[in-house]
Protein backbone atom coordinates (compact mmCIF):
# COMPACT_ATOMS: atom_id res chain seq x y z
CA MET A 1 8.58 -17.51 8.88
CA THR A 2 11.66 -15.53 7.90
CA SER A 3 11.43 -11.93 6.77
CA ASP A 4 12.26 -13.03 3.21
CA GLU A 5 9.48 -15.63 3.28
CA LEU A 6 7.08 -13.03 4.65
CA GLN A 7 7.97 -10.58 1.89
CA THR A 8 7.55 -13.30 -0.73
CA LEU A 9 4.11 -14.10 0.65
CA ILE A 10 3.12 -10.41 0.51
CA ASP A 11 4.51 -10.11 -3.03
CA ASP A 12 2.62 -13.26 -4.08
CA ALA A 13 -0.58 -11.85 -2.59
CA THR A 14 -0.09 -8.58 -4.45
CA PHE A 15 0.44 -10.50 -7.69
CA ASP A 16 -2.67 -12.61 -7.03
CA TYR A 17 -4.71 -9.47 -6.53
CA ALA A 18 -3.34 -7.90 -9.72
CA MET A 19 -4.35 -11.07 -11.58
CA GLY A 20 -7.90 -10.87 -10.24
CA GLU A 21 -7.48 -13.53 -7.55
CA THR A 22 -8.74 -11.37 -4.69
CA GLU A 23 -9.67 -14.17 -2.29
CA ALA A 24 -6.30 -15.88 -2.77
CA ALA A 25 -4.59 -12.56 -2.06
CA ILE A 26 -6.63 -12.00 1.09
CA GLY A 27 -5.84 -15.51 2.27
CA LYS A 28 -2.11 -15.00 1.80
CA LEU A 29 -2.18 -11.66 3.54
CA ALA A 30 -4.14 -13.17 6.42
CA ARG A 31 -1.38 -15.77 6.75
CA ALA A 32 1.22 -13.01 6.63
CA THR A 33 -0.45 -10.99 9.39
CA GLU A 34 -0.80 -14.13 11.52
CA ALA A 35 2.87 -14.99 10.99
CA ASP A 36 3.99 -11.43 11.77
CA PRO A 37 1.31 -9.25 13.39
CA LYS A 38 3.73 -6.28 13.17
CA SER A 39 4.09 -6.46 9.39
CA PHE A 40 3.09 -3.01 8.23
CA ALA A 41 3.30 -4.04 4.56
CA ALA A 42 0.92 -6.98 5.04
CA TRP A 43 -1.68 -4.95 6.96
CA HIS A 44 -1.52 -2.07 4.49
CA ALA A 45 -1.89 -4.37 1.48
CA LEU A 46 -4.82 -6.09 3.18
CA ALA A 47 -6.45 -2.71 3.84
CA GLU A 48 -6.07 -1.66 0.21
CA ILE A 49 -7.47 -4.92 -1.16
CA HIS A 50 -10.46 -4.84 1.17
CA PHE A 51 -11.04 -1.18 0.30
CA SER A 52 -11.01 -1.88 -3.41
CA SER A 53 -13.43 -4.76 -2.79
CA ARG A 54 -15.73 -2.33 -0.94
CA LYS A 55 -15.32 -4.28 2.32
CA LEU A 56 -14.99 -1.11 4.35
CA ASP A 57 -15.15 -2.65 7.84
CA GLU A 58 -12.38 -5.10 6.98
CA ALA A 59 -10.39 -2.35 5.28
CA LEU A 60 -10.66 -0.14 8.34
CA HIS A 61 -9.63 -2.97 10.66
CA ALA A 62 -6.51 -3.70 8.60
CA ALA A 63 -5.65 -0.02 8.12
CA GLU A 64 -5.90 0.63 11.84
CA HIS A 65 -3.47 -2.23 12.48
CA ALA A 66 -1.02 -0.76 9.96
CA HIS A 67 -1.44 2.72 11.43
CA ALA A 68 -0.74 1.39 14.93
CA ILE A 69 2.55 0.01 13.60
CA ASP A 70 3.59 3.20 11.76
CA ASP A 71 1.40 6.26 12.19
CA GLN A 72 3.98 8.40 10.38
CA ASP A 73 3.51 6.67 7.04
CA LEU A 74 2.05 8.98 4.41
CA PHE A 75 0.26 6.20 2.56
CA ILE A 76 -1.55 4.60 5.51
CA ASN A 77 -2.86 8.01 6.50
CA THR A 78 -4.11 8.49 2.95
CA THR A 79 -5.70 5.03 3.01
CA LEU A 80 -7.47 5.81 6.28
CA SER A 81 -8.70 9.11 4.86
CA ARG A 82 -10.17 7.32 1.85
CA ILE A 83 -11.82 4.64 4.00
CA TRP A 84 -13.40 7.18 6.36
CA MET A 85 -14.64 9.26 3.45
CA GLU A 86 -16.33 6.21 1.94
CA ARG A 87 -17.85 5.41 5.34
CA GLY A 88 -19.34 8.91 5.37
CA ASP A 89 -17.25 10.41 8.19
CA LYS A 90 -15.84 13.49 6.54
CA ALA A 91 -14.33 14.93 9.74
CA THR A 92 -12.27 11.81 10.44
CA ALA A 93 -11.34 11.55 6.77
CA GLU A 94 -10.09 15.13 6.84
CA LYS A 95 -8.05 14.44 9.99
CA TYR A 96 -6.16 11.63 8.27
CA GLY A 97 -5.94 13.60 5.04
CA ALA A 98 -4.37 16.53 6.89
CA GLN A 99 -1.90 14.18 8.57
CA ALA A 100 -0.95 12.75 5.16
CA LYS A 101 -0.42 16.28 3.80
CA ILE A 102 1.82 17.19 6.77
CA LEU A 103 3.85 14.02 6.26
CA SER A 104 4.19 14.86 2.57
CA TRP A 105 5.47 18.34 3.39
CA LYS A 106 7.94 16.92 5.90
CA ASP A 107 9.23 14.55 3.23
CA GLN A 108 9.58 17.41 0.75
CA LEU A 109 11.56 19.44 3.28
CA LYS A 110 13.88 16.51 4.02
CA ASN A 111 14.39 15.60 0.34
CA PRO A 112 14.02 18.77 -1.73
CA GLU A 113 16.16 17.42 -4.60
CA GLU A 114 13.76 14.51 -5.08
CA GLN A 115 10.85 16.93 -5.35
CA SER A 116 12.43 19.19 -7.98
CA ASP A 117 10.89 19.53 -11.39
CA GLY A 118 14.24 19.02 -13.07
CA ILE A 119 14.83 22.71 -13.72
CA ASN A 120 18.14 23.90 -12.28
């Protein structure tokens, strides 16, 4: 599968989910992660869909795969924080939440003009 085909599959899965076709979305994302086990986007989307479906074990599994691919991504750290909070592990949730906050600060320091409120 080419990278364009992979991205199309992920986009199709996201659309399916938005249209209420959760199982179709999960199936497409499963195919995407099988085709490219290092696809951060596919694993993260799968984590979010499982989380919203209250399938916390599956969400955690997918989020951990995404985190292993890119542990410096603000959003996967936030996702992991949310999953751990729902699982009742506040300490682990706070660890990932703190990491997300640090990554957010780093981004703000690198791109201060993007963070401005428009007042010059």
